[in-house]
Amino acid sequence: NTRDLSCTTEDVFRVLANGWLYPSWVVGASRMRDVDASWPQVGSQ
């Protein structure tokens, strides 16, 4: 899927970098229990 947005790529990655926002944008995710302190480094969860 693709979507055109009225923001920068940096704005998108700021959202992705905030793990606590995950259930706000991912359909099916209902709540956060924890975010690794190293998120979003490779291997973090």
All heavy atoms as atom14 arrays in JSON, in Angstrom:
{
  "sequence": "NTRDLSCTTEDVFRVLANGWLYPSWVVGASRMRDVDASWPQVGSQ",
  "atom14_mask": [
    [1, 1, 1, 1, 1, 1, 1, 1, 0, 0, 0, 0, 0, 0],
    [1, 1, 1, 1, 1, 1, 1, 0, 0, 0, 0, 0, 0, 0],
    [1, 1, 1, 1, 1, 1, 1, 1, 1, 1, 1, 0, 0, 0],
    [1, 1, 1, 1, 1, 1, 1, 1, 0, 0, 0, 0, 0, 0],
    [1, 1, 1, 1, 1, 1, 1, 1, 0, 0, 0, 0, 0, 0],
    [1, 1, 1, 1, 1, 1, 0, 0, 0, 0, 0, 0, 0, 0],
    [1, 1, 1, 1, 1, 1, 0, 0, 0, 0, 0, 0, 0, 0],
    [1, 1, 1, 1, 1, 1, 1, 0, 0, 0, 0, 0, 0, 0],
    [1, 1, 1, 1, 1, 1, 1, 0, 0, 0, 0, 0, 0, 0],
    [1, 1, 1, 1, 1, 1, 1, 1, 1, 0, 0, 0, 0, 0],
    [1, 1, 1, 1, 1, 1, 1, 1, 0, 0, 0, 0, 0, 0],
    [1, 1, 1, 1, 1, 1, 1, 0, 0, 0, 0, 0, 0, 0],
    [1, 1, 1, 1, 1, 1, 1, 1, 1, 1, 1, 0, 0, 0],
    [1, 1, 1, 1, 1, 1, 1, 1, 1, 1, 1, 0, 0, 0],
    [1, 1, 1, 1, 1, 1, 1, 0, 0, 0, 0, 0, 0, 0],
    [1, 1, 1, 1, 1, 1, 1, 1, 0, 0, 0, 0, 0, 0],
    [1, 1, 1, 1, 1, 0, 0, 0, 0, 0, 0, 0, 0, 0],
    [1, 1, 1, 1, 1, 1, 1, 1, 0, 0, 0, 0, 0, 0],
    [1, 1, 1, 1, 0, 0, 0, 0, 0, 0, 0, 0, 0, 0],
    [1, 1, 1, 1, 1, 1, 1, 1, 1, 1, 1, 1, 1, 1],
    [1, 1, 1, 1, 1, 1, 1, 1, 0, 0, 0, 0, 0, 0],
    [1, 1, 1, 1, 1, 1, 1, 1, 1, 1, 1, 1, 0, 0],
    [1, 1, 1, 1, 1, 1, 1, 0, 0, 0, 0, 0, 0, 0],
    [1, 1, 1, 1, 1, 1, 0, 0, 0, 0, 0, 0, 0, 0],
    [1, 1, 1, 1, 1, 1, 1, 1, 1, 1, 1, 1, 1, 1],
    [1, 1, 1, 1, 1, 1, 1, 0, 0, 0, 0, 0, 0, 0],
    [1, 1, 1, 1, 1, 1, 1, 0, 0, 0, 0, 0, 0, 0],
    [1, 1, 1, 1, 0, 0, 0, 0, 0, 0, 0, 0, 0, 0],
    [1, 1, 1, 1, 1, 0, 0, 0, 0, 0, 0, 0, 0, 0],
    [1, 1, 1, 1, 1, 1, 0, 0, 0, 0, 0, 0, 0, 0],
    [1, 1, 1, 1, 1, 1, 1, 1, 1, 1, 1, 0, 0, 0],
    [1, 1, 1, 1, 1, 1, 1, 1, 0, 0, 0, 0, 0, 0],
    [1, 1, 1, 1, 1, 1, 1, 1, 1, 1, 1, 0, 0, 0],
    [1, 1, 1, 1, 1, 1, 1, 1, 0, 0, 0, 0, 0, 0],
    [1, 1, 1, 1, 1, 1, 1, 0, 0, 0, 0, 0, 0, 0],
    [1, 1, 1, 1, 1, 1, 1, 1, 0, 0, 0, 0, 0, 0],
    [1, 1, 1, 1, 1, 0, 0, 0, 0, 0, 0, 0, 0, 0],
    [1, 1, 1, 1, 1, 1, 0, 0, 0, 0, 0, 0, 0, 0],
    [1, 1, 1, 1, 1, 1, 1, 1, 1, 1, 1, 1, 1, 1],
    [1, 1, 1, 1, 1, 1, 1, 0, 0, 0, 0, 0, 0, 0],
    [1, 1, 1, 1, 1, 1, 1, 1, 1, 0, 0, 0, 0, 0],
    [1, 1, 1, 1, 1, 1, 1, 0, 0, 0, 0, 0, 0, 0],
    [1, 1, 1, 1, 0, 0, 0, 0, 0, 0, 0, 0, 0, 0],
    [1, 1, 1, 1, 1, 1, 0, 0, 0, 0, 0, 0, 0, 0],
    [1, 1, 1, 1, 1, 1, 1, 1, 1, 0, 0, 0, 0, 0]
  ],
  "atom14_positions": [
    [[0.86, -1.18, 0.0], [0.0, 0.0, 0.0], [0.89, 1.22, 0.0], [1.98, 1.2, 0.58], [-0.87, 0.08, 1.26], [-1.88, -1.02, 1.38], [-1.53, -2.17, 1.58], [-3.15, -0.65, 1.29], [0.0, 0.0, 0.0], [0.0, 0.0, 0.0], [0.0, 0.0, 0.0], [0.0, 0.0, 0.0], [0.0, 0.0, 0.0], [0.0, 0.0, 0.0]],
    [[0.41, 2.31, -0.6], [1.09, 3.6, -0.52], [0.09, 4.68, -0.13], [-1.12, 4.54, -0.36], [1.76, 3.99, -1.86], [0.77, 4.06, -2.87], [2.85, 3.0, -2.25], [0.0, 0.0, 0.0], [0.0, 0.0, 0.0], [0.0, 0.0, 0.0], [0.0, 0.0, 0.0], [0.0, 0.0, 0.0], [0.0, 0.0, 0.0], [0.0, 0.0, 0.0]],
    [[0.62, 5.74, 0.44], [-0.22, 6.88, 0.81], [0.62, 8.15, 0.72], [1.75, 8.18, 1.21], [-0.79, 6.72, 2.22], [-1.77, 7.82, 2.58], [-2.48, 7.49, 3.9], [-3.47, 8.49, 4.19], [-4.74, 8.45, 3.78], [-5.17, 7.43, 3.05], [-5.59, 9.4, 4.11], [0.0, 0.0, 0.0], [0.0, 0.0, 0.0], [0.0, 0.0, 0.0]],
    [[0.07, 9.17, 0.1], [0.72, 10.47, 0.04], [0.34, 11.27, 1.28], [-0.86, 11.34, 1.64], [0.3, 11.23, -1.22], [0.84, 10.57, -2.48], [1.97, 10.04, -2.44], [0.13, 10.57, -3.51], [0.0, 0.0, 0.0], [0.0, 0.0, 0.0], [0.0, 0.0, 0.0], [0.0, 0.0, 0.0], [0.0, 0.0, 0.0], [0.0, 0.0, 0.0]],
    [[1.34, 11.86, 1.92], [1.12, 12.62, 3.15], [1.62, 14.05, 2.99], [2.55, 14.3, 2.22], [1.86, 11.96, 4.32], [1.52, 10.5, 4.62], [2.37, 9.99, 5.79], [0.05, 10.33, 4.91], [0.0, 0.0, 0.0], [0.0, 0.0, 0.0], [0.0, 0.0, 0.0], [0.0, 0.0, 0.0], [0.0, 0.0, 0.0], [0.0, 0.0, 0.0]],
    [[1.02, 14.95, 3.75], [1.42, 16.36, 3.74], [2.35, 16.64, 4.92], [2.05, 17.44, 5.8], [0.18, 17.26, 3.84], [-0.67, 17.02, 2.75], [0.0, 0.0, 0.0], [0.0, 0.0, 0.0], [0.0, 0.0, 0.0], [0.0, 0.0, 0.0], [0.0, 0.0, 0.0], [0.0, 0.0, 0.0], [0.0, 0.0, 0.0], [0.0, 0.0, 0.0]],
    [[3.47, 15.93, 4.93], [4.47, 16.1, 5.98], [5.8, 15.6, 5.42], [5.87, 15.16, 4.28], [4.09, 15.33, 7.25], [3.96, 13.55, 7.01], [0.0, 0.0, 0.0], [0.0, 0.0, 0.0], [0.0, 0.0, 0.0], [0.0, 0.0, 0.0], [0.0, 0.0, 0.0], [0.0, 0.0, 0.0], [0.0, 0.0, 0.0], [0.0, 0.0, 0.0]],
    [[6.84, 15.66, 6.22], [8.15, 15.21, 5.76], [8.37, 13.74, 6.13], [7.67, 13.19, 6.99], [9.27, 16.04, 6.41], [9.29, 15.76, 7.82], [9.07, 17.54, 6.17], [0.0, 0.0, 0.0], [0.0, 0.0, 0.0], [0.0, 0.0, 0.0], [0.0, 0.0, 0.0], [0.0, 0.0, 0.0], [0.0, 0.0, 0.0], [0.0, 0.0, 0.0]],
    [[9.36, 13.16, 5.49], [9.74, 11.78, 5.85], [10.24, 11.74, 7.3], [10.04, 10.75, 8.0], [10.81, 11.23, 4.89], [11.96, 12.07, 4.93], [10.28, 11.13, 3.48], [0.0, 0.0, 0.0], [0.0, 0.0, 0.0], [0.0, 0.0, 0.0], [0.0, 0.0, 0.0], [0.0, 0.0, 0.0], [0.0, 0.0, 0.0], [0.0, 0.0, 0.0]],
    [[10.85, 12.82, 7.74], [11.32, 12.89, 9.14], [10.14, 12.84, 10.11], [10.23, 12.22, 11.16], [12.16, 14.16, 9.37], [13.51, 14.13, 8.71], [13.51, 14.52, 7.23], [12.42, 14.9, 6.68], [14.58, 14.44, 6.61], [0.0, 0.0, 0.0], [0.0, 0.0, 0.0], [0.0, 0.0, 0.0], [0.0, 0.0, 0.0], [0.0, 0.0, 0.0]],
    [[9.03, 13.51, 9.75], [7.83, 13.45, 10.59], [7.33, 12.02, 10.72], [6.94, 11.58, 11.81], [6.7, 14.32, 10.0], [7.01, 15.81, 10.04], [7.7, 16.26, 10.97], [6.55, 16.51, 9.12], [0.0, 0.0, 0.0], [0.0, 0.0, 0.0], [0.0, 0.0, 0.0], [0.0, 0.0, 0.0], [0.0, 0.0, 0.0], [0.0, 0.0, 0.0]],
    [[7.34, 11.28, 9.61], [6.9, 9.88, 9.64], [7.81, 9.06, 10.55], [7.34, 8.29, 11.4], [6.89, 9.29, 8.21], [6.65, 7.78, 8.24], [5.85, 9.99, 7.36], [0.0, 0.0, 0.0], [0.0, 0.0, 0.0], [0.0, 0.0, 0.0], [0.0, 0.0, 0.0], [0.0, 0.0, 0.0], [0.0, 0.0, 0.0], [0.0, 0.0, 0.0]],
    [[9.1, 9.25, 10.43], [10.03, 8.45, 11.22], [10.06, 8.86, 12.69], [10.41, 8.04, 13.54], [11.42, 8.42, 10.58], [11.54, 7.28, 9.61], [10.98, 7.38, 8.35], [12.13, 6.08, 9.98], [11.03, 6.32, 7.46], [12.19, 5.02, 9.11], [11.64, 5.13, 7.85], [0.0, 0.0, 0.0], [0.0, 0.0, 0.0], [0.0, 0.0, 0.0]],
    [[9.66, 10.07, 12.99], [9.5, 10.44, 14.41], [8.38, 9.62, 15.05], [8.49, 9.18, 16.18], [9.23, 11.93, 14.55], [10.49, 12.76, 14.71], [10.2, 14.17, 15.18], [9.63, 15.01, 14.14], [10.32, 15.57, 13.16], [11.62, 15.41, 13.09], [9.73, 16.33, 12.25], [0.0, 0.0, 0.0], [0.0, 0.0, 0.0], [0.0, 0.0, 0.0]],
    [[7.3, 9.4, 14.3], [6.21, 8.57, 14.81], [6.69, 7.13, 14.96], [6.47, 6.49, 16.0], [4.97, 8.64, 13.89], [3.91, 7.64, 14.33], [4.4, 10.06, 13.87], [0.0, 0.0, 0.0], [0.0, 0.0, 0.0], [0.0, 0.0, 0.0], [0.0, 0.0, 0.0], [0.0, 0.0, 0.0], [0.0, 0.0, 0.0], [0.0, 0.0, 0.0]],
    [[7.36, 6.6, 13.94], [7.85, 5.22, 14.0], [8.84, 5.03, 15.14], [8.9, 3.96, 15.75], [8.5, 4.82, 12.67], [7.62, 4.87, 11.43], [8.44, 4.48, 10.2], [6.4, 3.99, 11.57], [0.0, 0.0, 0.0], [0.0, 0.0, 0.0], [0.0, 0.0, 0.0], [0.0, 0.0, 0.0], [0.0, 0.0, 0.0], [0.0, 0.0, 0.0]],
    [[9.62, 6.05, 15.43], [10.64, 5.96, 16.47], [10.05, 5.97, 17.88], [10.73, 5.6, 18.84], [11.66, 7.09, 16.33], [0.0, 0.0, 0.0], [0.0, 0.0, 0.0], [0.0, 0.0, 0.0], [0.0, 0.0, 0.0], [0.0, 0.0, 0.0], [0.0, 0.0, 0.0], [0.0, 0.0, 0.0], [0.0, 0.0, 0.0], [0.0, 0.0, 0.0]],
    [[8.81, 6.4, 18.02], [8.15, 6.41, 19.32], [7.34, 5.12, 19.46], [6.19, 5.03, 19.03], [7.25, 7.63, 19.46], [6.63, 7.73, 20.84], [6.5, 6.74, 21.57], [6.24, 8.93, 21.21], [0.0, 0.0, 0.0], [0.0, 0.0, 0.0], [0.0, 0.0, 0.0], [0.0, 0.0, 0.0], [0.0, 0.0, 0.0], [0.0, 0.0, 0.0]],
    [[7.95, 4.11, 20.06], [7.3, 2.81, 20.19], [5.98, 2.84, 20.92], [5.11, 2.0, 20.67], [0.0, 0.0, 0.0], [0.0, 0.0, 0.0], [0.0, 0.0, 0.0], [0.0, 0.0, 0.0], [0.0, 0.0, 0.0], [0.0, 0.0, 0.0], [0.0, 0.0, 0.0], [0.0, 0.0, 0.0], [0.0, 0.0, 0.0], [0.0, 0.0, 0.0]],
    [[5.81, 3.78, 21.82], [4.55, 3.85, 22.58], [3.37, 4.23, 21.7], [2.22, 4.0, 22.07], [4.7, 4.82, 23.75], [5.62, 4.28, 24.79], [6.92, 4.64, 25.01], [5.34, 3.24, 25.73], [7.46, 3.88, 26.03], [6.51, 3.01, 26.49], [4.21, 2.45, 26.0], [6.59, 2.06, 27.5], [4.3, 1.5, 27.0], [5.46, 1.31, 27.74]],
    [[3.63, 4.77, 20.51], [2.54, 5.12, 19.59], [2.09, 3.95, 18.71], [1.1, 4.08, 17.99], [2.97, 6.29, 18.69], [3.13, 7.64, 19.37], [3.64, 8.67, 18.37], [1.82, 8.09, 20.0], [0.0, 0.0, 0.0], [0.0, 0.0, 0.0], [0.0, 0.0, 0.0], [0.0, 0.0, 0.0], [0.0, 0.0, 0.0], [0.0, 0.0, 0.0]],
    [[2.79, 2.84, 18.76], [2.52, 1.7, 17.88], [1.04, 1.34, 17.78], [0.5, 1.24, 16.69], [3.36, 0.51, 18.36], [3.38, -0.69, 17.46], [4.14, -0.71, 16.3], [2.67, -1.85, 17.81], [4.19, -1.84, 15.49], [2.72, -2.97, 17.01], [3.47, -2.97, 15.85], [3.53, -4.08, 15.06], [0.0, 0.0, 0.0], [0.0, 0.0, 0.0]],
    [[0.3, 1.15, 18.9], [-1.11, 0.8, 18.76], [-1.99, 1.94, 18.23], [-3.13, 1.72, 17.87], [-1.55, 0.39, 20.16], [-0.47, 0.79, 21.07], [0.74, 1.13, 20.27], [0.0, 0.0, 0.0], [0.0, 0.0, 0.0], [0.0, 0.0, 0.0], [0.0, 0.0, 0.0], [0.0, 0.0, 0.0], [0.0, 0.0, 0.0], [0.0, 0.0, 0.0]],
    [[-1.44, 3.14, 18.15], [-2.19, 4.26, 17.59], [-2.25, 4.21, 16.08], [-3.17, 4.76, 15.48], [-1.55, 5.59, 18.0], [-1.55, 5.73, 19.4], [0.0, 0.0, 0.0], [0.0, 0.0, 0.0], [0.0, 0.0, 0.0], [0.0, 0.0, 0.0], [0.0, 0.0, 0.0], [0.0, 0.0, 0.0], [0.0, 0.0, 0.0], [0.0, 0.0, 0.0]],
    [[-1.27, 3.54, 15.46], [-1.27, 3.51, 13.99], [-1.34, 2.11, 13.41], [-1.71, 1.95, 12.26], [-0.08, 4.29, 13.41], [1.29, 3.81, 13.77], [2.02, 4.15, 14.87], [2.11, 2.91, 13.02], [3.23, 3.5, 14.85], [3.31, 2.74, 13.72], [1.93, 2.22, 11.82], [4.34, 1.91, 13.26], [2.95, 1.4, 11.36], [4.14, 1.26, 12.08]],
    [[-1.02, 1.08, 14.17], [-1.07, -0.29, 13.64], [-2.43, -0.91, 13.95], [-2.78, -1.11, 15.11], [0.06, -1.16, 14.23], [-0.08, -2.6, 13.78], [1.42, -0.6, 13.83], [0.0, 0.0, 0.0], [0.0, 0.0, 0.0], [0.0, 0.0, 0.0], [0.0, 0.0, 0.0], [0.0, 0.0, 0.0], [0.0, 0.0, 0.0], [0.0, 0.0, 0.0]],
    [[-3.18, -1.21, 12.91], [-4.49, -1.84, 13.07], [-4.28, -3.25, 13.63], [-3.5, -4.03, 13.09], [-5.24, -1.9, 11.72], [-6.53, -2.69, 11.86], [-5.5, -0.51, 11.2], [0.0, 0.0, 0.0], [0.0, 0.0, 0.0], [0.0, 0.0, 0.0], [0.0, 0.0, 0.0], [0.0, 0.0, 0.0], [0.0, 0.0, 0.0], [0.0, 0.0, 0.0]],
    [[-4.94, -3.55, 14.72], [-4.84, -4.85, 15.36], [-4.06, -4.81, 16.65], [-4.29, -5.61, 17.54], [0.0, 0.0, 0.0], [0.0, 0.0, 0.0], [0.0, 0.0, 0.0], [0.0, 0.0, 0.0], [0.0, 0.0, 0.0], [0.0, 0.0, 0.0], [0.0, 0.0, 0.0], [0.0, 0.0, 0.0], [0.0, 0.0, 0.0], [0.0, 0.0, 0.0]],
    [[-3.11, -3.88, 16.76], [-2.37, -3.72, 18.02], [-3.28, -2.94, 18.96], [-3.78, -1.88, 18.62], [-1.06, -2.99, 17.79], [0.0, 0.0, 0.0], [0.0, 0.0, 0.0], [0.0, 0.0, 0.0], [0.0, 0.0, 0.0], [0.0, 0.0, 0.0], [0.0, 0.0, 0.0], [0.0, 0.0, 0.0], [0.0, 0.0, 0.0], [0.0, 0.0, 0.0]],
    [[-3.5, -3.5, 20.15], [-4.48, -2.86, 21.03], [-3.86, -2.13, 22.21], [-4.47, -1.2, 22.73], [-5.49, -3.89, 21.53], [-4.83, -5.0, 22.06], [0.0, 0.0, 0.0], [0.0, 0.0, 0.0], [0.0, 0.0, 0.0], [0.0, 0.0, 0.0], [0.0, 0.0, 0.0], [0.0, 0.0, 0.0], [0.0, 0.0, 0.0], [0.0, 0.0, 0.0]],
    [[-2.66, -2.54, 22.65], [-2.03, -1.83, 23.77], [-0.55, -2.14, 23.79], [-0.1, -3.16, 23.28], [-2.67, -2.21, 25.1], [-2.41, -3.65, 25.49], [-3.0, -4.0, 26.84], [-2.77, -5.41, 27.11], [-3.41, -6.1, 28.0], [-4.36, -5.53, 28.72], [-3.13, -7.37, 28.2], [0.0, 0.0, 0.0], [0.0, 0.0, 0.0], [0.0, 0.0, 0.0]],
    [[0.2, -1.23, 24.42], [1.63, -1.43, 24.62], [1.85, -1.91, 26.04], [1.24, -1.39, 26.97], [2.4, -0.13, 24.41], [2.45, 0.33, 22.99], [3.12, -0.88, 21.84], [4.73, -1.15, 22.53], [0.0, 0.0, 0.0], [0.0, 0.0, 0.0], [0.0, 0.0, 0.0], [0.0, 0.0, 0.0], [0.0, 0.0, 0.0], [0.0, 0.0, 0.0]],
    [[2.72, -2.9, 26.18], [3.11, -3.36, 27.51], [4.47, -2.81, 27.9], [4.73, -2.52, 29.06], [3.12, -4.89, 27.55], [1.76, -5.48, 27.25], [1.71, -7.0, 27.36], [2.96, -7.71, 27.18], [3.45, -8.11, 25.99], [2.79, -7.84, 24.88], [4.59, -8.77, 25.93], [0.0, 0.0, 0.0], [0.0, 0.0, 0.0], [0.0, 0.0, 0.0]],
    [[5.36, -2.68, 26.9], [6.7, -2.16, 27.17], [7.38, -1.84, 25.84], [6.99, -2.38, 24.8], [7.54, -3.21, 27.93], [8.8, -2.62, 28.54], [8.89, -1.38, 28.7], [9.72, -3.4, 28.86], [0.0, 0.0, 0.0], [0.0, 0.0, 0.0], [0.0, 0.0, 0.0], [0.0, 0.0, 0.0], [0.0, 0.0, 0.0], [0.0, 0.0, 0.0]],
    [[8.36, -0.97, 25.9], [9.18, -0.63, 24.75], [10.63, -0.74, 25.2], [11.0, -0.11, 26.2], [8.89, 0.81, 24.24], [9.83, 1.2, 23.12], [7.43, 0.92, 23.79], [0.0, 0.0, 0.0], [0.0, 0.0, 0.0], [0.0, 0.0, 0.0], [0.0, 0.0, 0.0], [0.0, 0.0, 0.0], [0.0, 0.0, 0.0], [0.0, 0.0, 0.0]],
    [[11.43, -1.53, 24.51], [12.84, -1.64, 24.85], [13.47, -0.25, 24.86], [13.17, 0.59, 24.0], [13.61, -2.51, 23.85], [13.31, -4.0, 24.0], [12.54, -4.39, 24.91], [13.86, -4.78, 23.2], [0.0, 0.0, 0.0], [0.0, 0.0, 0.0], [0.0, 0.0, 0.0], [0.0, 0.0, 0.0], [0.0, 0.0, 0.0], [0.0, 0.0, 0.0]],
    [[14.35, -0.01, 25.82], [15.01, 1.3, 25.94], [15.82, 1.63, 24.69], [16.02, 2.8, 24.37], [15.92, 1.31, 27.17], [0.0, 0.0, 0.0], [0.0, 0.0, 0.0], [0.0, 0.0, 0.0], [0.0, 0.0, 0.0], [0.0, 0.0, 0.0], [0.0, 0.0, 0.0], [0.0, 0.0, 0.0], [0.0, 0.0, 0.0], [0.0, 0.0, 0.0]],
    [[16.26, 0.62, 23.96], [17.07, 0.84, 22.77], [16.24, 1.04, 21.49], [16.81, 1.22, 20.42], [18.03, -0.34, 22.56], [17.31, -1.55, 22.44], [0.0, 0.0, 0.0], [0.0, 0.0, 0.0], [0.0, 0.0, 0.0], [0.0, 0.0, 0.0], [0.0, 0.0, 0.0], [0.0, 0.0, 0.0], [0.0, 0.0, 0.0], [0.0, 0.0, 0.0]],
    [[14.9, 1.01, 21.59], [14.04, 1.18, 20.42], [14.35, 2.51, 19.76], [14.49, 3.51, 20.46], [12.56, 1.15, 20.83], [11.64, 1.31, 19.66], [11.1, 2.48, 19.21], [11.19, 0.28, 18.78], [10.33, 2.25, 18.1], [10.37, 0.9, 17.82], [11.4, -1.09, 18.7], [9.76, 0.19, 16.8], [10.79, -1.79, 17.69], [9.98, -1.16, 16.75]],
    [[14.54, 2.59, 18.46], [14.3, 1.62, 17.4], [15.58, 0.98, 16.84], [15.65, 0.67, 15.64], [13.6, 2.45, 16.34], [14.29, 3.8, 16.45], [14.61, 3.96, 17.92], [0.0, 0.0, 0.0], [0.0, 0.0, 0.0], [0.0, 0.0, 0.0], [0.0, 0.0, 0.0], [0.0, 0.0, 0.0], [0.0, 0.0, 0.0], [0.0, 0.0, 0.0]],
    [[16.58, 0.78, 17.64], [17.8, 0.14, 17.13], [17.51, -1.29, 16.68], [16.6, -1.94, 17.21], [18.88, 0.12, 18.21], [19.39, 1.49, 18.58], [20.4, 1.44, 19.71], [20.8, 0.38, 20.17], [20.81, 2.61, 20.17], [0.0, 0.0, 0.0], [0.0, 0.0, 0.0], [0.0, 0.0, 0.0], [0.0, 0.0, 0.0], [0.0, 0.0, 0.0]],
    [[18.29, -1.77, 15.72], [18.13, -3.14, 15.22], [18.22, -4.11, 16.39], [19.1, -4.01, 17.24], [19.2, -3.45, 14.15], [19.16, -4.92, 13.76], [18.98, -2.58, 12.92], [0.0, 0.0, 0.0], [0.0, 0.0, 0.0], [0.0, 0.0, 0.0], [0.0, 0.0, 0.0], [0.0, 0.0, 0.0], [0.0, 0.0, 0.0], [0.0, 0.0, 0.0]],
    [[17.26, -5.04, 16.43], [17.19, -6.04, 17.49], [16.31, -5.66, 18.66], [15.93, -6.51, 19.46], [0.0, 0.0, 0.0], [0.0, 0.0, 0.0], [0.0, 0.0, 0.0], [0.0, 0.0, 0.0], [0.0, 0.0, 0.0], [0.0, 0.0, 0.0], [0.0, 0.0, 0.0], [0.0, 0.0, 0.0], [0.0, 0.0, 0.0], [0.0, 0.0, 0.0]],
    [[15.95, -4.38, 18.77], [15.08, -3.95, 19.86], [13.64, -4.36, 19.57], [13.26, -4.63, 18.42], [15.19, -2.45, 20.09], [14.77, -1.73, 18.96], [0.0, 0.0, 0.0], [0.0, 0.0, 0.0], [0.0, 0.0, 0.0], [0.0, 0.0, 0.0], [0.0, 0.0, 0.0], [0.0, 0.0, 0.0], [0.0, 0.0, 0.0], [0.0, 0.0, 0.0]],
    [[12.83, -4.41, 20.65], [11.46, -4.91, 20.51], [10.44, -4.01, 21.18], [10.73, -3.34, 22.18], [11.34, -6.3, 21.13], [12.12, -7.36, 20.43], [11.85, -8.74, 21.01], [11.33, -8.89, 22.11], [12.2, -9.77, 20.24], [0.0, 0.0, 0.0], [0.0, 0.0, 0.0], [0.0, 0.0, 0.0], [0.0, 0.0, 0.0], [0.0, 0.0, 0.0]]
  ]
}
